[in-house]
Amino acid sequence: MRAAEVVARHVEKLILEGALRPGDRLAAEREIAAELQVSRPSVRDGLKLLQEKGLVVAQPGGGTVVARLGGEITDPLVALLLSGEGVIDNYLEFRTLLEGAAARLAAERANRIDLAMLGACIERIDRAHELGDVAEEAEADLELHVVIYEATHNVVLLHVMRALSTLLRSDVFQNRERLYARPKVRELLREQHRAIHAAIVAGDGAAAAEAAQAHLGFVRQAAQEIQAANEQLEVSLRRLEGGKIGVRPAPATARTGGR
């Protein structure tokens, strides 16, 4: 096997395992060469192989980053799905089915490094919560779930759910931030995240699964309520504006000059 292929396969393994995440910057060529005990030209050729596969991207200013795998909504079917009614509820229903299993596996398989990363996510959530930083707390929420997927040590589950989690950042799932705009909801979400974390740390798979499913069930119900409220508001606005194509008659007082 050529040295360049050794480099490419090593990086591929790190991406597959989740050690390298989408957007992560790779070390400098000289550092990779020293780590893998190959020449810098071999590293350069290995990175070219990865670029051809679409796994890494060369940056204009220099350096190489892991591609945003699964994060680009380009497939026509995916775009059609995102435009459909009820997609948010379908998505949350799907996550409810899998989150319990993921939390159970994480409780059974998480090692000390996984637990440390989970703990860091909880600290990040607490810090953002105390500062009232809604956007940061929502991002920390997303990060916690990704770390749980990583702790399952199931690479298929990790990459499928990581790709789906990126959809939360799209405008289609803006309800996530609306959830965090409600103080009481934010507190409930924090308690739910702590319950999931505590069960995983305790190695209690059943409790972790139950806590995760309860959490997603709550999120799904809250999202449904927010969606219903938004639809009612849109109906009221259309009535007020005449659907933007109707012309409402002036009030009687205006037509008669107030007499």
Protein backbone atom coordinates (compact mmCIF):
# COMPACT_ATOMS: atom_id res chain seq x y z
CA MET A 1 0.00 0.00 0.00
CA ARG A 2 1.34 3.42 -0.95
CA ALA A 3 2.10 5.86 1.86
CA ALA A 4 -0.51 8.26 0.49
CA GLU A 5 -3.18 5.57 0.82
CA VAL A 6 -2.09 4.92 4.41
CA VAL A 7 -2.64 8.60 5.17
CA ALA A 8 -6.03 8.63 3.44
CA ARG A 9 -7.26 5.50 5.22
CA HIS A 10 -6.13 6.82 8.61
CA VAL A 11 -8.08 10.05 8.15
CA GLU A 12 -11.09 8.12 6.80
CA LYS A 13 -11.09 5.97 9.93
CA LEU A 14 -11.03 9.05 12.16
CA ILE A 15 -13.96 10.56 10.25
CA LEU A 16 -15.93 7.32 10.38
CA GLU A 17 -15.35 6.92 14.13
CA GLY A 18 -16.38 10.51 14.76
CA ALA A 19 -12.95 11.54 16.06
CA LEU A 20 -12.87 14.10 13.24
CA ARG A 21 -16.11 16.05 12.91
CA PRO A 22 -17.48 18.03 9.97
CA GLY A 23 -15.72 21.40 9.95
CA ASP A 24 -12.71 20.23 11.97
CA ARG A 25 -9.38 21.50 10.68
CA LEU A 26 -6.70 18.88 10.08
CA ALA A 27 -3.27 19.35 11.57
CA ALA A 28 -0.47 20.81 9.46
CA GLU A 29 1.14 18.49 6.91
CA ARG A 30 4.38 18.28 8.90
CA GLU A 31 2.48 17.21 12.03
CA ILE A 32 0.51 14.54 10.16
CA ALA A 33 3.74 13.32 8.54
CA ALA A 34 5.43 13.02 11.93
CA GLU A 35 2.42 11.26 13.49
CA LEU A 36 2.13 8.69 10.68
CA GLN A 37 5.86 8.51 9.98
CA VAL A 38 5.55 9.32 6.30
CA SER A 39 6.90 12.11 4.10
CA ARG A 40 5.11 15.42 3.61
CA PRO A 41 4.59 14.72 -0.11
CA SER A 42 2.83 11.48 0.90
CA VAL A 43 0.57 13.45 3.24
CA ARG A 44 -0.18 15.91 0.46
CA ASP A 45 -1.06 13.09 -1.94
CA GLY A 46 -3.20 11.39 0.71
CA LEU A 47 -5.17 14.56 1.29
CA LYS A 48 -5.73 14.87 -2.45
CA LEU A 49 -7.25 11.39 -2.45
CA LEU A 50 -9.60 12.47 0.32
CA GLN A 51 -10.54 15.65 -1.55
CA GLU A 52 -11.43 13.60 -4.62
CA LYS A 53 -13.79 11.53 -2.44
CA GLY A 54 -15.35 14.69 -1.04
CA LEU A 55 -14.33 13.87 2.54
CA VAL A 56 -12.11 16.92 3.08
CA VAL A 57 -11.97 20.41 1.61
CA ALA A 58 -8.90 22.57 1.00
CA GLN A 59 -9.25 26.08 2.43
CA PRO A 60 -8.42 29.10 0.23
CA GLY A 61 -6.05 30.52 2.84
CA GLY A 62 -4.36 27.18 3.44
CA GLY A 63 -5.16 24.13 5.51
CA THR A 64 -7.70 21.35 5.13
CA VAL A 65 -11.01 20.77 6.92
CA VAL A 66 -13.41 17.84 7.13
CA ALA A 67 -16.29 18.32 4.71
CA ARG A 68 -19.80 19.09 5.98
CA LEU A 69 -20.89 15.53 5.39
CA GLY A 70 -24.66 15.05 5.36
CA GLY A 71 -25.24 18.69 6.16
CA GLU A 72 -26.01 20.02 2.72
CA ILE A 73 -29.67 19.92 1.63
CA THR A 74 -29.17 19.36 -2.08
CA ASP A 75 -31.07 16.16 -2.84
CA PRO A 76 -34.38 17.07 -4.57
CA LEU A 77 -36.22 14.49 -2.47
CA VAL A 78 -34.85 15.99 0.74
CA ALA A 79 -35.82 19.48 -0.42
CA LEU A 80 -39.31 18.21 -1.22
CA LEU A 81 -39.54 16.57 2.19
CA LEU A 82 -38.56 19.77 3.95
CA SER A 83 -41.28 21.68 2.12
CA GLY A 84 -44.01 19.27 3.20
CA GLU A 85 -46.56 19.84 5.92
CA GLY A 86 -45.92 18.18 9.25
CA VAL A 87 -42.21 17.63 8.60
CA ILE A 88 -41.21 18.99 12.01
CA ASP A 89 -43.55 16.63 13.80
CA ASN A 90 -42.43 13.69 11.63
CA TYR A 91 -38.80 14.52 12.37
CA LEU A 92 -39.38 14.71 16.12
CA GLU A 93 -41.40 11.50 16.04
CA PHE A 94 -38.47 9.79 14.29
CA ARG A 95 -36.01 11.15 16.84
CA THR A 96 -38.22 10.01 19.72
CA LEU A 97 -38.00 6.46 18.38
CA LEU A 98 -34.20 6.52 18.17
CA GLU A 99 -33.15 8.80 21.03
CA GLY A 100 -34.20 6.29 23.67
CA ALA A 101 -32.12 3.57 22.02
CA ALA A 102 -29.17 5.93 21.66
CA ALA A 103 -29.29 6.95 25.32
CA ARG A 104 -29.52 3.30 26.38
CA LEU A 105 -26.46 2.38 24.31
CA ALA A 106 -24.57 5.40 25.61
CA ALA A 107 -25.30 4.34 29.20
CA GLU A 108 -24.00 0.87 28.45
CA ARG A 109 -20.95 1.82 26.35
CA ALA A 110 -19.75 5.30 27.32
CA ASN A 111 -16.12 5.42 28.46
CA ARG A 112 -14.45 8.03 30.65
CA ILE A 113 -13.71 10.28 27.65
CA ASP A 114 -17.34 10.13 26.50
CA LEU A 115 -18.53 10.93 30.03
CA ALA A 116 -16.16 13.88 30.24
CA MET A 117 -17.51 15.27 26.98
CA LEU A 118 -21.09 14.80 28.16
CA GLY A 119 -20.23 16.61 31.38
CA ALA A 120 -18.72 19.48 29.39
CA CYS A 121 -21.98 19.76 27.40
CA ILE A 122 -24.03 19.97 30.59
CA GLU A 123 -21.68 22.67 31.94
CA ARG A 124 -22.08 24.58 28.68
CA ILE A 125 -25.87 24.34 28.95
CA ASP A 126 -25.78 25.53 32.57
CA ARG A 127 -23.49 28.44 31.73
CA ALA A 128 -25.66 29.60 28.83
CA HIS A 129 -28.78 29.14 30.94
CA GLU A 130 -27.46 31.34 33.73
CA LEU A 131 -26.43 34.03 31.24
CA GLY A 132 -29.80 33.87 29.50
CA ASP A 133 -28.06 33.22 26.18
CA VAL A 134 -30.87 31.49 24.27
CA ALA A 135 -28.90 30.85 21.06
CA GLU A 136 -25.92 29.39 22.92
CA GLU A 137 -28.11 27.19 25.09
CA ALA A 138 -29.89 25.84 22.00
CA GLU A 139 -26.54 25.06 20.37
CA ALA A 140 -25.32 23.36 23.54
CA ASP A 141 -28.52 21.28 23.50
CA LEU A 142 -27.73 20.14 19.96
CA GLU A 143 -24.12 19.37 20.91
CA LEU A 144 -25.24 17.24 23.86
CA HIS A 145 -27.33 15.00 21.63
CA VAL A 146 -24.49 14.60 19.12
CA VAL A 147 -22.13 13.58 21.94
CA ILE A 148 -24.70 11.01 23.11
CA TYR A 149 -24.70 9.55 19.59
CA GLU A 150 -20.91 9.40 19.73
CA ALA A 151 -21.05 7.62 23.08
CA THR A 152 -23.10 4.80 21.51
CA HIS A 153 -20.00 3.75 19.55
CA ASN A 154 -22.32 2.83 16.68
CA VAL A 155 -20.89 4.64 13.67
CA VAL A 156 -24.02 4.24 11.51
CA LEU A 157 -26.25 5.72 14.20
CA LEU A 158 -23.70 8.48 14.82
CA HIS A 159 -23.48 9.69 11.23
CA VAL A 160 -27.16 9.33 10.39
CA MET A 161 -28.25 11.24 13.49
CA ARG A 162 -25.45 13.80 13.19
CA ALA A 163 -26.57 14.56 9.63
CA LEU A 164 -30.18 14.87 10.74
CA SER A 165 -29.19 17.07 13.67
CA THR A 166 -27.75 19.64 11.28
CA LEU A 167 -31.30 20.16 10.00
CA LEU A 168 -32.04 21.82 13.32
CA ARG A 169 -29.91 24.73 12.19
CA SER A 170 -32.07 25.37 9.14
CA ASP A 171 -34.95 27.80 9.06
CA VAL A 172 -37.33 24.85 8.79
CA PHE A 173 -36.62 24.01 12.42
CA GLN A 174 -36.58 27.51 13.84
CA ASN A 175 -39.09 26.37 16.48
CA ARG A 176 -36.09 25.12 18.44
CA GLU A 177 -35.14 28.69 19.28
CA ARG A 178 -38.75 29.57 20.00
CA LEU A 179 -38.77 26.81 22.61
CA TYR A 180 -35.84 28.41 24.36
CA ALA A 181 -37.50 31.82 24.24
CA ARG A 182 -39.84 30.61 26.99
CA PRO A 183 -38.13 30.79 30.43
CA LYS A 184 -40.16 27.98 32.04
CA VAL A 185 -39.58 25.73 29.04
CA ARG A 186 -35.84 26.42 29.19
CA GLU A 187 -35.75 25.30 32.82
CA LEU A 188 -37.70 22.12 32.03
CA LEU A 189 -35.37 21.32 29.13
CA ARG A 190 -32.33 21.79 31.36
CA GLU A 191 -33.79 19.41 33.96
CA GLN A 192 -34.51 16.85 31.25
CA HIS A 193 -30.96 17.07 29.90
CA ARG A 194 -29.59 16.61 33.41
CA ALA A 195 -31.77 13.53 33.90
CA ILE A 196 -30.46 11.97 30.68
CA HIS A 197 -26.88 12.79 31.67
CA ALA A 198 -27.27 11.40 35.19
CA ALA A 199 -28.68 8.11 33.89
CA ILE A 200 -25.86 7.70 31.39
CA VAL A 201 -23.23 8.45 34.04
CA ALA A 202 -24.88 5.89 36.33
CA GLY A 203 -24.80 3.33 33.51
CA ASP A 204 -28.56 2.84 33.83
CA GLY A 205 -29.69 2.08 30.28
CA ALA A 206 -33.39 1.79 31.10
CA ALA A 207 -33.47 5.11 32.94
CA ALA A 208 -31.47 6.81 30.18
CA ALA A 209 -33.89 5.55 27.51
CA GLU A 210 -36.91 6.65 29.54
CA ALA A 211 -35.44 10.11 30.20
CA ALA A 212 -34.53 10.61 26.53
CA GLN A 213 -37.96 9.58 25.27
CA ALA A 214 -39.68 11.79 27.84
CA HIS A 215 -37.50 14.70 26.72
CA LEU A 216 -38.27 14.27 23.02
CA GLY A 217 -41.94 13.71 23.80
CA PHE A 218 -42.01 17.04 25.60
CA VAL A 219 -40.18 18.81 22.76
CA ARG A 220 -42.57 17.34 20.22
CA GLN A 221 -45.66 18.43 22.15
CA ALA A 222 -44.26 21.94 22.68
CA ALA A 223 -43.39 22.22 18.98
CA GLN A 224 -46.92 21.21 18.06
CA GLU A 225 -48.33 23.92 20.32
CA ILE A 226 -46.00 26.55 18.87
CA GLN A 227 -46.89 25.51 15.32
CA ALA A 228 -50.61 25.72 16.09
CA ALA A 229 -50.18 29.18 17.60
CA ASN A 230 -48.20 30.34 14.55
CA GLU A 231 -50.89 29.08 12.18
CA GLN A 232 -53.60 30.89 14.15
CA LEU A 233 -51.55 34.11 14.01
CA GLU A 234 -51.13 33.79 10.24
CA VAL A 235 -54.89 33.35 9.81
CA SER A 236 -55.53 36.49 11.87
CA LEU A 237 -53.02 38.47 9.82
CA ARG A 238 -54.62 37.34 6.56
CA ARG A 239 -58.01 38.42 7.86
CA LEU A 240 -56.57 41.78 8.82
CA GLU A 241 -54.93 42.29 5.43
CA GLY A 242 -57.69 40.78 3.29
CA GLY A 243 -55.40 38.02 2.14
CA LYS A 244 -53.23 40.74 0.50
CA ILE A 245 -55.42 40.71 -2.62
CA GLY A 246 -58.71 41.99 -1.24
CA VAL A 247 -59.61 45.65 -0.81
CA ARG A 248 -61.48 46.37 2.37
CA PRO A 249 -64.12 49.15 2.27
CA ALA A 250 -63.28 52.20 4.34
CA PRO A 251 -65.03 52.48 7.72
CA ALA A 252 -68.39 54.31 7.63
CA THR A 253 -67.05 57.24 9.60
CA ALA A 254 -64.32 57.76 7.01
CA ARG A 255 -66.79 57.69 4.07
CA THR A 256 -69.12 60.23 5.71
CA GLY A 257 -66.39 62.50 6.96
CA GLY A 258 -67.09 61.51 10.53
CA ARG A 259 -70.76 62.63 10.46
